[in-house]
C-alpha atoms as a PDB file:
ATOM      1  CA  UNK A   1       5.950 -27.065 -53.131  1.00  0.00           C
ATOM      2  CA  UNK A   2       3.432 -27.805 -50.438  1.00  0.00           C
ATOM      3  CA  UNK A   3       5.916 -30.101 -48.702  1.00  0.00           C
ATOM      4  CA  UNK A   4       8.538 -27.338 -48.637  1.00  0.00           C
ATOM      5  CA  UNK A   5       5.953 -24.910 -47.287  1.00  0.00           C
ATOM      6  CA  UNK A   6       5.032 -27.338 -44.489  1.00  0.00           C
ATOM      7  CA  UNK A   7       8.698 -27.830 -43.629  1.00  0.00           C
ATOM      8  CA  UNK A   8       9.241 -24.071 -43.470  1.00  0.00           C
ATOM      9  CA  UNK A   9       6.164 -23.563 -41.320  1.00  0.00           C
ATOM     10  CA  UNK A  10       7.165 -26.323 -38.922  1.00  0.00           C
ATOM     11  CA  UNK A  11      10.687 -24.888 -38.650  1.00  0.00           C
ATOM     12  CA  UNK A  12       9.176 -21.461 -37.895  1.00  0.00           C
ATOM     13  CA  UNK A  13       6.993 -23.007 -35.198  1.00  0.00           C
ATOM     14  CA  UNK A  14      10.048 -24.748 -33.714  1.00  0.00           C
ATOM     15  CA  UNK A  15      12.014 -21.505 -33.753  1.00  0.00           C
ATOM     16  CA  UNK A  16       9.121 -19.763 -32.026  1.00  0.00           C
ATOM     17  CA  UNK A  17       8.978 -22.450 -29.350  1.00  0.00           C
ATOM     18  CA  UNK A  18      12.748 -22.250 -28.841  1.00  0.00           C
ATOM     19  CA  UNK A  19      12.531 -18.450 -28.513  1.00  0.00           C
ATOM     20  CA  UNK A  20       9.684 -18.791 -26.005  1.00  0.00           C
ATOM     21  CA  UNK A  21      11.663 -21.336 -23.995  1.00  0.00           C
ATOM     22  CA  UNK A  22      14.759 -19.119 -24.071  1.00  0.00           C
ATOM     23  CA  UNK A  23      12.646 -16.171 -22.884  1.00  0.00           C
ATOM     24  CA  UNK A  24      11.188 -18.286 -20.064  1.00  0.00           C
ATOM     25  CA  UNK A  25      14.614 -19.511 -18.994  1.00  0.00           C
ATOM     26  CA  UNK A  26      15.994 -15.955 -19.143  1.00  0.00           C
ATOM     27  CA  UNK A  27      13.068 -14.745 -17.023  1.00  0.00           C
ATOM     28  CA  UNK A  28      13.685 -17.582 -14.560  1.00  0.00           C
ATOM     29  CA  UNK A  29      17.345 -16.575 -14.273  1.00  0.00           C
ATOM     30  CA  UNK A  30      16.425 -12.909 -13.756  1.00  0.00           C
ATOM     31  CA  UNK A  31      13.822 -13.785 -11.098  1.00  0.00           C
ATOM     32  CA  UNK A  32      16.342 -16.042  -9.376  1.00  0.00           C
ATOM     33  CA  UNK A  33      18.742 -13.102  -9.039  1.00  0.00           C
ATOM     34  CA  UNK A  34      15.935 -10.785  -7.889  1.00  0.00           C
ATOM     35  CA  UNK A  35      15.014 -13.284  -5.150  1.00  0.00           C
ATOM     36  CA  UNK A  36      18.674 -13.620  -4.192  1.00  0.00           C
ATOM     37  CA  UNK A  37      19.123  -9.830  -3.988  1.00  0.00           C
ATOM     38  CA  UNK A  38      15.943  -9.487  -1.880  1.00  0.00           C
ATOM     39  CA  UNK A  39      17.088 -12.187   0.538  1.00  0.00           C
ATOM     40  CA  UNK A  40      20.566 -10.646   0.709  1.00  0.00           C
ATOM     41  CA  UNK A  41      19.138  -7.189   1.495  1.00  0.00           C
ATOM     42  CA  UNK A  42      17.044  -8.699   4.308  1.00  0.00           C
ATOM     43  CA  UNK A  43      20.044 -10.504   5.813  1.00  0.00           C
ATOM     44  CA  UNK A  44      22.345  -7.485   5.439  1.00  0.00           C
ATOM     45  CA  UNK A  45      19.721  -5.216   7.057  1.00  0.00           C
ATOM     46  CA  UNK A  46      19.440  -7.575  10.025  1.00  0.00           C
ATOM     47  CA  UNK A  47      23.221  -7.857  10.415  1.00  0.00           C
ATOM     48  CA  UNK A  48      23.811  -4.091  10.062  1.00  0.00           C
ATOM     49  CA  UNK A  49      21.061  -3.086  12.518  1.00  0.00           C
ATOM     50  CA  UNK A  50      22.027  -5.742  15.070  1.00  0.00           C
ATOM     51  CA  UNK A  51      25.737  -4.985  14.705  1.00  0.00           C
ATOM     52  CA  UNK A  52      25.206  -1.239  15.063  1.00  0.00           C
ATOM     53  CA  UNK A  53      23.029  -1.606  18.181  1.00  0.00           C
ATOM     54  CA  UNK A  54      25.491  -4.032  19.798  1.00  0.00           C
ATOM     55  CA  UNK A  55      28.463  -1.810  18.865  1.00  0.00           C
ATOM     56  CA  UNK A  56      26.892   1.320  20.352  1.00  0.00           C
ATOM     57  CA  UNK A  57      25.551  -0.583  23.357  1.00  0.00           C
ATOM     58  CA  UNK A  58      28.876  -2.212  24.235  1.00  0.00           C
ATOM     59  CA  UNK A  59      30.952   0.960  23.877  1.00  0.00           C
ATOM     60  CA  UNK A  60      30.535   2.319  27.444  1.00  0.00           C
ATOM     61  CA  UNK A  61      31.550  -1.038  28.949  1.00  0.00           C
ATOM     62  CA  UNK A  62      34.563  -1.563  26.677  1.00  0.00           C
ATOM     63  CA  UNK A  63      35.989   1.960  26.527  1.00  0.00           C
ATOM     64  CA  UNK A  64      34.625   3.876  29.516  1.00  0.00           C
ATOM     65  CA  UNK A  65      34.903   1.275  32.267  1.00  0.00           C
ATOM     66  CA  UNK A  66      31.235   0.925  33.191  1.00  0.00           C
ATOM     67  CA  UNK A  67      30.281  -2.378  34.810  1.00  0.00           C
ATOM     68  CA  UNK A  68      27.762  -4.621  33.048  1.00  0.00           C
ATOM     69  CA  UNK A  69      26.695  -6.085  36.399  1.00  0.00           C
ATOM     70  CA  UNK A  70      26.073  -2.606  37.847  1.00  0.00           C
ATOM     71  CA  UNK A  71      24.128  -1.698  34.711  1.00  0.00           C
ATOM     72  CA  UNK A  72      21.889  -4.776  34.961  1.00  0.00           C
ATOM     73  CA  UNK A  73      21.424  -4.786  38.733  1.00  0.00           C
ATOM     74  CA  UNK A  74      21.528  -1.059  39.502  1.00  0.00           C
ATOM     75  CA  UNK A  75      18.298   0.503  40.742  1.00  0.00           C
ATOM     76  CA  UNK A  76      18.993   4.160  39.882  1.00  0.00           C
ATOM     77  CA  UNK A  77      18.672   5.747  36.453  1.00  0.00           C
ATOM     78  CA  UNK A  78      19.979   9.306  36.735  1.00  0.00           C
ATOM     79  CA  UNK A  79      21.887  10.204  33.529  1.00  0.00           C
ATOM     80  CA  UNK A  80      22.913  13.644  34.876  1.00  0.00           C
ATOM     81  CA  UNK A  81      24.783  11.895  37.728  1.00  0.00           C
ATOM     82  CA  UNK A  82      26.159   9.142  35.457  1.00  0.00           C
ATOM     83  CA  UNK A  83      23.991   6.533  37.220  1.00  0.00           C
ATOM     84  CA  UNK A  84      22.681   3.939  34.773  1.00  0.00           C
ATOM     85  CA  UNK A  85      20.854   1.059  36.428  1.00  0.00           C
ATOM     86  CA  UNK A  86      18.069  -0.729  34.534  1.00  0.00           C
ATOM     87  CA  UNK A  87      16.974  -3.359  37.076  1.00  0.00           C
ATOM     88  CA  UNK A  88      13.614  -1.574  37.669  1.00  0.00           C
ATOM     89  CA  UNK A  89      12.951  -1.504  33.919  1.00  0.00           C
ATOM     90  CA  UNK A  90      13.855  -5.181  33.454  1.00  0.00           C
ATOM     91  CA  UNK A  91      11.528  -6.153  36.311  1.00  0.00           C
ATOM     92  CA  UNK A  92       8.743  -3.927  34.923  1.00  0.00           C
ATOM     93  CA  UNK A  93       9.115  -5.481  31.436  1.00  0.00           C
ATOM     94  CA  UNK A  94       9.082  -9.038  32.847  1.00  0.00           C
ATOM     95  CA  UNK A  95       6.029  -8.412  35.024  1.00  0.00           C
ATOM     96  CA  UNK A  96       4.133  -6.620  32.231  1.00  0.00           C
ATOM     97  CA  UNK A  97       4.927  -9.427  29.777  1.00  0.00           C
ATOM     98  CA  UNK A  98       3.965 -12.188  32.201  1.00  0.00           C
ATOM     99  CA  UNK A  99       0.737 -10.442  33.231  1.00  0.00           C
ATOM    100  CA  UNK A 100      -0.321  -9.745  29.647  1.00  0.00           C
ATOM    101  CA  UNK A 101       0.440 -13.348  28.648  1.00  0.00           C
ATOM    102  CA  UNK A 102      -1.764 -14.705  31.450  1.00  0.00           C
ATOM    103  CA  UNK A 103      -4.716 -12.376  30.799  1.00  0.00           C
ATOM    104  CA  UNK A 104      -4.446 -11.964  27.016  1.00  0.00           C
ATOM    105  CA  UNK A 105      -3.844 -15.645  26.296  1.00  0.00           C
ATOM    106  CA  UNK A 106      -6.702 -16.821  28.522  1.00  0.00           C
ATOM    107  CA  UNK A 107      -9.260 -14.387  27.098  1.00  0.00           C
ATOM    108  CA  UNK A 108      -8.013 -14.839  23.527  1.00  0.00           C
ATOM    109  CA  UNK A 109      -8.215 -18.654  23.529  1.00  0.00           C
ATOM    110  CA  UNK A 110     -11.633 -18.668  25.221  1.00  0.00           C
ATOM    111  CA  UNK A 111     -12.885 -16.128  22.662  1.00  0.00           C
ATOM    112  CA  UNK A 112     -11.553 -18.287  19.809  1.00  0.00           C
ATOM    113  CA  UNK A 113     -13.337 -21.330  21.272  1.00  0.00           C
ATOM    114  CA  UNK A 114     -16.608 -19.380  21.513  1.00  0.00           C
ATOM    115  CA  UNK A 115     -16.339 -18.155  17.904  1.00  0.00           C
ATOM    116  CA  UNK A 116     -15.333 -21.516  16.420  1.00  0.00           C
ATOM    117  CA  UNK A 117     -17.386 -23.978  18.472  1.00  0.00           C
ATOM    118  CA  UNK A 118     -20.144 -22.395  20.531  1.00  0.00           C
ATOM    119  CA  UNK A 119     -21.555 -19.209  18.984  1.00  0.00           C
ATOM    120  CA  UNK A 120     -24.214 -19.375  16.231  1.00  0.00           C
ATOM    121  CA  UNK A 121     -22.871 -18.760  12.736  1.00  0.00           C
ATOM    122  CA  UNK A 122     -24.247 -15.202  12.396  1.00  0.00           C
ATOM    123  CA  UNK A 123     -22.928 -14.140  15.788  1.00  0.00           C
ATOM    124  CA  UNK A 124     -19.521 -15.793  15.319  1.00  0.00           C
ATOM    125  CA  UNK A 125     -18.986 -14.017  11.970  1.00  0.00           C
ATOM    126  CA  UNK A 126     -19.788 -10.648  13.571  1.00  0.00           C
ATOM    127  CA  UNK A 127     -17.455 -11.253  16.512  1.00  0.00           C
ATOM    128  CA  UNK A 128     -14.726 -12.467  14.167  1.00  0.00           C
ATOM    129  CA  UNK A 129     -15.056  -9.312  12.051  1.00  0.00           C
ATOM    130  CA  UNK A 130     -14.896  -7.139  15.172  1.00  0.00           C
ATOM    131  CA  UNK A 131     -11.723  -8.905  16.305  1.00  0.00           C
ATOM    132  CA  UNK A 132     -10.139  -8.356  12.890  1.00  0.00           C
ATOM    133  CA  UNK A 133     -10.960  -4.645  13.160  1.00  0.00           C
ATOM    134  CA  UNK A 134      -9.089  -4.537  16.477  1.00  0.00           C
ATOM    135  CA  UNK A 135      -5.921  -5.584  14.639  1.00  0.00           C
ATOM    136  CA  UNK A 136      -6.140  -2.496  12.417  1.00  0.00           C
ATOM    137  CA  UNK A 137      -6.282   0.032  15.264  1.00  0.00           C
ATOM    138  CA  UNK A 138      -2.984   1.992  15.637  1.00  0.00           C
ATOM    139  CA  UNK A 139      -1.158   1.289  18.880  1.00  0.00           C
ATOM    140  CA  UNK A 140      -1.295   4.921  19.986  1.00  0.00           C
ATOM    141  CA  UNK A 141      -5.111   4.718  20.006  1.00  0.00           C
ATOM    142  CA  UNK A 142      -4.905   1.755  22.394  1.00  0.00           C
ATOM    143  CA  UNK A 143      -2.787   3.978  24.601  1.00  0.00           C
ATOM    144  CA  UNK A 144      -5.307   6.822  24.381  1.00  0.00           C
ATOM    145  CA  UNK A 145      -8.115   4.413  25.282  1.00  0.00           C
ATOM    146  CA  UNK A 146      -6.069   3.185  28.232  1.00  0.00           C
ATOM    147  CA  UNK A 147      -5.373   6.757  29.344  1.00  0.00           C
ATOM    148  CA  UNK A 148      -9.016   7.819  29.027  1.00  0.00           C
ATOM    149  CA  UNK A 149     -10.765   4.686  30.361  1.00  0.00           C
ATOM    150  CA  UNK A 150      -8.455   2.175  32.076  1.00  0.00           C
ATOM    151  CA  UNK A 151      -6.274   4.658  33.997  1.00  0.00           C
ATOM    152  CA  UNK A 152      -9.204   6.619  35.558  1.00  0.00           C
ATOM    153  CA  UNK A 153     -10.938   3.312  36.421  1.00  0.00           C
ATOM    154  CA  UNK A 154      -7.836   2.021  38.242  1.00  0.00           C
ATOM    155  CA  UNK A 155      -7.458   5.374  39.995  1.00  0.00           C
ATOM    156  CA  UNK A 156     -11.088   5.252  41.180  1.00  0.00           C
ATOM    157  CA  UNK A 157     -11.194   1.564  42.154  1.00  0.00           C
ATOM    158  CA  UNK A 158      -7.929   1.553  44.127  1.00  0.00           C
ATOM    159  CA  UNK A 159      -8.282   5.156  45.364  1.00  0.00           C
ATOM    160  CA  UNK A 160      -4.890   6.204  43.974  1.00  0.00           C
ATOM    161  CA  UNK A 161      -3.460   9.679  43.290  1.00  0.00           C
ATOM    162  CA  UNK A 162      -2.879   8.561  39.671  1.00  0.00           C
ATOM    163  CA  UNK A 163      -3.914   5.504  37.694  1.00  0.00           C
ATOM    164  CA  UNK A 164      -0.846   5.091  35.462  1.00  0.00           C
ATOM    165  CA  UNK A 165       0.520   1.798  36.724  1.00  0.00           C
ATOM    166  CA  UNK A 166       1.795  -1.697  35.995  1.00  0.00           C
ATOM    167  CA  UNK A 167      -1.813  -2.929  36.013  1.00  0.00           C
ATOM    168  CA  UNK A 168      -2.761  -0.420  33.299  1.00  0.00           C
ATOM    169  CA  UNK A 169       0.192  -1.596  31.168  1.00  0.00           C
ATOM    170  CA  UNK A 170      -0.838  -5.249  31.582  1.00  0.00           C
ATOM    171  CA  UNK A 171      -4.459  -4.542  30.630  1.00  0.00           C
ATOM    172  CA  UNK A 172      -3.558  -2.476  27.552  1.00  0.00           C
ATOM    173  CA  UNK A 173      -1.035  -5.063  26.308  1.00  0.00           C
ATOM    174  CA  UNK A 174      -3.566  -7.853  26.928  1.00  0.00           C
ATOM    175  CA  UNK A 175      -6.109  -6.058  24.730  1.00  0.00           C
ATOM    176  CA  UNK A 176      -3.491  -5.506  22.028  1.00  0.00           C
ATOM    177  CA  UNK A 177      -2.626  -9.213  21.981  1.00  0.00           C
ATOM    178  CA  UNK A 178      -6.227 -10.328  21.493  1.00  0.00           C
ATOM    179  CA  UNK A 179      -6.662  -9.895  17.702  1.00  0.00           C
ATOM    180  CA  UNK A 180      -3.626 -12.042  16.862  1.00  0.00           C
ATOM    181  CA  UNK A 181      -4.343 -14.751  19.431  1.00  0.00           C
ATOM    182  CA  UNK A 182      -8.061 -14.961  18.610  1.00  0.00           C
ATOM    183  CA  UNK A 183      -7.629 -15.045  14.806  1.00  0.00           C
ATOM    184  CA  UNK A 184      -4.847 -17.644  14.686  1.00  0.00           C
ATOM    185  CA  UNK A 185      -6.381 -19.801  17.457  1.00  0.00           C
ATOM    186  CA  UNK A 186      -9.765 -19.755  15.729  1.00  0.00           C
ATOM    187  CA  UNK A 187      -8.167 -20.971  12.496  1.00  0.00           C
ATOM    188  CA  UNK A 188      -6.333 -23.747  14.379  1.00  0.00           C
ATOM    189  CA  UNK A 189      -9.506 -24.888  16.166  1.00  0.00           C
ATOM    190  CA  UNK A 190     -11.568 -24.889  12.962  1.00  0.00           C
ATOM    191  CA  UNK A 191      -8.904 -26.979  11.201  1.00  0.00           C
ATOM    192  CA  UNK A 192      -9.360 -29.911  13.630  1.00  0.00           C
ATOM    193  CA  UNK A 193     -10.878 -32.892  11.795  1.00  0.00           C
ATOM    194  CA  UNK A 194     -14.578 -33.472  12.518  1.00  0.00           C
ATOM    195  CA  UNK A 195     -13.780 -37.151  13.104  1.00  0.00           C
ATOM    196  CA  UNK A 196     -12.220 -36.185  16.445  1.00  0.00           C
ATOM    197  CA  UNK A 197     -15.413 -34.475  17.576  1.00  0.00           C
ATOM    198  CA  UNK A 198     -17.688 -37.226  16.308  1.00  0.00           C
ATOM    199  CA  UNK A 199     -15.579 -39.877  18.028  1.00  0.00           C
ATOM    200  CA  UNK A 200     -15.698 -37.926  21.295  1.00  0.00           C
ATOM    201  CA  UNK A 201     -19.477 -37.477  21.115  1.00  0.00           C
ATOM    202  CA  UNK A 202     -19.886 -41.164  20.259  1.00  0.00           C
ATOM    203  CA  UNK A 203     -18.045 -42.073  23.476  1.00  0.00           C
ATOM    204  CA  UNK A 204     -20.526 -39.992  25.477  1.00  0.00           C
ATOM    205  CA  UNK A 205     -18.449 -36.842  26.076  1.00  0.00           C
ATOM    206  CA  UNK A 206     -20.235 -33.508  26.442  1.00  0.00           C
ATOM    207  CA  UNK A 207     -19.513 -30.510  24.221  1.00  0.00           C
ATOM    208  CA  UNK A 208     -17.315 -28.806  26.837  1.00  0.00           C
ATOM    209  CA  UNK A 209     -15.398 -32.052  27.494  1.00  0.00           C
ATOM    210  CA  UNK A 210     -14.870 -32.468  23.758  1.00  0.00           C
ATOM    211  CA  UNK A 211     -13.587 -28.901  23.426  1.00  0.00           C
ATOM    212  CA  UNK A 212     -11.096 -29.071  26.293  1.00  0.00           C
ATOM    213  CA  UNK A 213     -10.031 -32.720  26.087  1.00  0.00           C
ATOM    214  CA  UNK A 214     -10.078 -33.349  22.329  1.00  0.00           C
ATOM    215  CA  UNK A 215     -10.189 -30.194  20.200  1.00  0.00           C
ATOM    216  CA  UNK A 216      -7.724 -28.014  22.136  1.00  0.00           C
ATOM    217  CA  UNK A 217      -5.045 -30.751  22.414  1.00  0.00           C
ATOM    218  CA  UNK A 218      -5.431 -31.433  18.681  1.00  0.00           C
ATOM    219  CA  UNK A 219      -5.034 -27.694  17.881  1.00  0.00           C
ATOM    220  CA  UNK A 220      -2.326 -26.956  20.459  1.00  0.00           C
ATOM    221  CA  UNK A 221       0.469 -26.312  17.944  1.00  0.00           C
ATOM    222  CA  UNK A 222      -1.593 -23.633  16.189  1.00  0.00           C
ATOM    223  CA  UNK A 223      -2.701 -22.124  19.495  1.00  0.00           C
ATOM    224  CA  UNK A 224       0.888 -21.930  20.742  1.00  0.00           C
ATOM    225  CA  UNK A 225       1.879 -20.237  17.487  1.00  0.00           C
ATOM    226  CA  UNK A 226      -0.903 -17.708  18.130  1.00  0.00           C
ATOM    227  CA  UNK A 227       0.468 -17.047  21.606  1.00  0.00           C
ATOM    228  CA  UNK A 228       3.997 -16.522  20.217  1.00  0.00           C
ATOM    229  CA  UNK A 229       2.712 -14.011  17.646  1.00  0.00           C
ATOM    230  CA  UNK A 230       0.599 -12.230  20.270  1.00  0.00           C
ATOM    231  CA  UNK A 231       3.534 -11.900  22.637  1.00  0.00           C
ATOM    232  CA  UNK A 232       5.653 -10.549  19.781  1.00  0.00           C
ATOM    233  CA  UNK A 233       3.059  -7.814  19.236  1.00  0.00           C
ATOM    234  CA  UNK A 234       3.052  -6.868  22.924  1.00  0.00           C
ATOM    235  CA  UNK A 235       6.776  -7.045  23.708  1.00  0.00           C
ATOM    236  CA  UNK A 236       7.981  -4.313  21.412  1.00  0.00           C
ATOM    237  CA  UNK A 237       5.088  -1.956  22.098  1.00  0.00           C
ATOM    238  CA  UNK A 238       6.114   1.563  23.067  1.00  0.00           C
ATOM    239  CA  UNK A 239       3.564   4.303  22.364  1.00  0.00           C
ATOM    240  CA  UNK A 240       0.623   2.703  24.170  1.00  0.00           C
ATOM    241  CA  UNK A 241       2.818   1.820  27.160  1.00  0.00           C
ATOM    242  CA  UNK A 242       4.244   5.356  27.463  1.00  0.00           C
ATOM    243  CA  UNK A 243       0.749   6.757  27.943  1.00  0.00           C
ATOM    244  CA  UNK A 244      -0.337   4.372  30.725  1.00  0.00           C
ATOM    245  CA  UNK A 245       2.850   3.304  32.545  1.00  0.00           C
ATOM    246  CA  UNK A 246       3.537   6.429  34.598  1.00  0.00           C
ATOM    247  CA  UNK A 247       7.220   6.227  33.590  1.00  0.00           C
ATOM    248  CA  UNK A 248       8.693   5.972  37.060  1.00  0.00           C
ATOM    249  CA  UNK A 249      12.151   4.262  36.981  1.00  0.00           C
ATOM    250  CA  UNK A 250      11.702   2.477  40.315  1.00  0.00           C
ATOM    251  CA  UNK A 251      11.188  -1.184  41.207  1.00  0.00           C
ATOM    252  CA  UNK A 252       7.440  -1.830  41.518  1.00  0.00           C
ATOM    253  CA  UNK A 253       6.323  -3.237  44.872  1.00  0.00           C
ATOM    254  CA  UNK A 254       2.659  -3.357  43.908  1.00  0.00           C
ATOM    255  CA  UNK A 255       0.649  -3.872  40.729  1.00  0.00           C
ATOM    256  CA  UNK A 256      -0.645  -0.312  41.133  1.00  0.00           C
ATOM    257  CA  UNK A 257       2.843   1.283  41.114  1.00  0.00           C
ATOM    258  CA  UNK A 258       4.046   3.409  38.201  1.00  0.00           C
ATOM    259  CA  UNK A 259       6.663   1.669  36.074  1.00  0.00           C
ATOM    260  CA  UNK A 260       9.015   2.280  33.177  1.00  0.00           C
ATOM    261  CA  UNK A 261       9.590  -0.744  30.897  1.00  0.00           C
ATOM    262  CA  UNK A 262      12.683  -1.019  28.694  1.00  0.00           C
ATOM    263  CA  UNK A 263      10.958   0.130  25.495  1.00  0.00           C
ATOM    264  CA  UNK A 264       9.533   3.198  27.215  1.00  0.00           C
ATOM    265  CA  UNK A 265      12.906   4.173  28.657  1.00  0.00           C
ATOM    266  CA  UNK A 266      14.496   4.172  25.183  1.00  0.00           C
ATOM    267  CA  UNK A 267      11.622   6.074  23.526  1.00  0.00           C
ATOM    268  CA  UNK A 268      11.414   8.767  26.216  1.00  0.00           C
ATOM    269  CA  UNK A 269      15.094   9.717  26.320  1.00  0.00           C
ATOM    270  CA  UNK A 270      16.643   8.866  22.943  1.00  0.00           C
ATOM    271  CA  UNK A 271      15.461  12.149  21.392  1.00  0.00           C
ATOM    272  CA  UNK A 272      17.690  14.329  23.576  1.00  0.00           C
ATOM    273  CA  UNK A 273      20.363  11.870  24.787  1.00  0.00           C
ATOM    274  CA  UNK A 274      23.994  12.151  23.678  1.00  0.00           C
ATOM    275  CA  UNK A 275      27.362  10.676  24.562  1.00  0.00           C
ATOM    276  CA  UNK A 276      27.375   8.057  27.311  1.00  0.00           C
ATOM    277  CA  UNK A 277      23.669   8.575  27.987  1.00  0.00           C
ATOM    278  CA  UNK A 278      22.815   7.684  24.385  1.00  0.00           C
ATOM    279  CA  UNK A 279      25.134   4.679  24.425  1.00  0.00           C
ATOM    280  CA  UNK A 280      23.485   3.400  27.617  1.00  0.00           C
ATOM    281  CA  UNK A 281      20.119   3.615  25.874  1.00  0.00           C
ATOM    282  CA  UNK A 282      21.571   1.482  23.071  1.00  0.00           C
ATOM    283  CA  UNK A 283      22.748  -0.940  25.793  1.00  0.00           C
ATOM    284  CA  UNK A 284      19.156  -1.004  27.066  1.00  0.00           C
ATOM    285  CA  UNK A 285      18.126  -1.923  23.514  1.00  0.00           C
ATOM    286  CA  UNK A 286      20.630  -4.793  23.544  1.00  0.00           C
ATOM    287  CA  UNK A 287      19.104  -6.116  26.782  1.00  0.00           C
ATOM    288  CA  UNK A 288      15.634  -5.855  25.251  1.00  0.00           C
ATOM    289  CA  UNK A 289      16.857  -7.643  22.107  1.00  0.00           C
ATOM    290  CA  UNK A 290      18.328 -10.511  24.147  1.00  0.00           C
ATOM    291  CA  UNK A 291      15.184 -10.683  26.297  1.00  0.00           C
ATOM    292  CA  UNK A 292      12.913 -11.020  23.239  1.00  0.00           C
ATOM    293  CA  UNK A 293      15.316 -13.482  21.572  1.00  0.00           C
ATOM    294  CA  UNK A 294      15.417 -15.776  24.627  1.00  0.00           C
ATOM    295  CA  UNK A 295      11.634 -15.646  25.027  1.00  0.00           C
ATOM    296  CA  UNK A 296      11.110 -16.503  21.340  1.00  0.00           C
ATOM    297  CA  UNK A 297      13.564 -19.427  21.544  1.00  0.00           C
ATOM    298  CA  UNK A 298      11.777 -20.815  24.612  1.00  0.00           C
ATOM    299  CA  UNK A 299       8.327 -20.425  23.051  1.00  0.00           C
ATOM    300  CA  UNK A 300       9.473 -21.967  19.749  1.00  0.00           C
ATOM    301  CA  UNK A 301      10.872 -24.988  21.602  1.00  0.00           C
ATOM    302  CA  UNK A 302       7.574 -25.391  23.451  1.00  0.00           C
ATOM    303  CA  UNK A 303       5.704 -25.145  20.127  1.00  0.00           C
ATOM    304  CA  UNK A 304       7.944 -27.792  18.503  1.00  0.00           C
ATOM    305  CA  UNK A 305       7.422 -30.150  21.455  1.00  0.00           C
ATOM    306  CA  UNK A 306       3.666 -29.640  21.135  1.00  0.00           C
ATOM    307  CA  UNK A 307       3.826 -30.586  17.448  1.00  0.00           C
ATOM    308  CA  UNK A 308       5.692 -33.809  18.279  1.00  0.00           C
END
């Protein structure tokens, strides 16, 4: 009797285990399909958005006879007169991006070095927390700060009728890049093996020599990734730029001239544009898309070379 009972109990236990395994496998299959659906939605969203923008942006050139070369090289943007030239906006976007990369990257990396290698522990934790708080500030507040502080300062220093300018755009974008660059660069610098530092000190190198000749080269892949992420934050920025750019669709001849970058042009006019005007704004979006894509490809190649 006892033997039969044991056999029955063991068979029940086996059945339970089989049921549990079947449940696990069923759950695995369900989760696999959920992951597949999520990935498919992401890909479809990308394809649909990109396809729609390219379709709308190419329409005036394919059906209405507008010249792509005139669109890219034209210097006048007057929708009421059917003049659509975005050369001033392309130049403004390139200059703003380049200027913010130079200033934001330099300050961000130096700040990360100070936090990770030079500052006392209590001070570095406070600075690091402050930098993280910067990342949580909405972009429109950066624009308001630029309008209230940076723009009047530029106006006063350069004795200008108004301070909205390319310089104001560069400074605001540089500040917006800092949280990303500082946080990621700090993590990359801290991850460098102590053996590198100890070996450098043992050879008689000073702290500054060790930082710039040993630690930074060892952390360069992480630092470059920080720069890529920071640039990505700055490139698509609209609200902050609208407030400080001055929105003048002319080619800047000085750093104190008012400008209108590509993102600002789309945001300012899309609300009331229709017909060809609206399609030309979509074409501006295509140019911006290609610009960001090319820049990301170049930066990713540089990052991969740095890793090798």
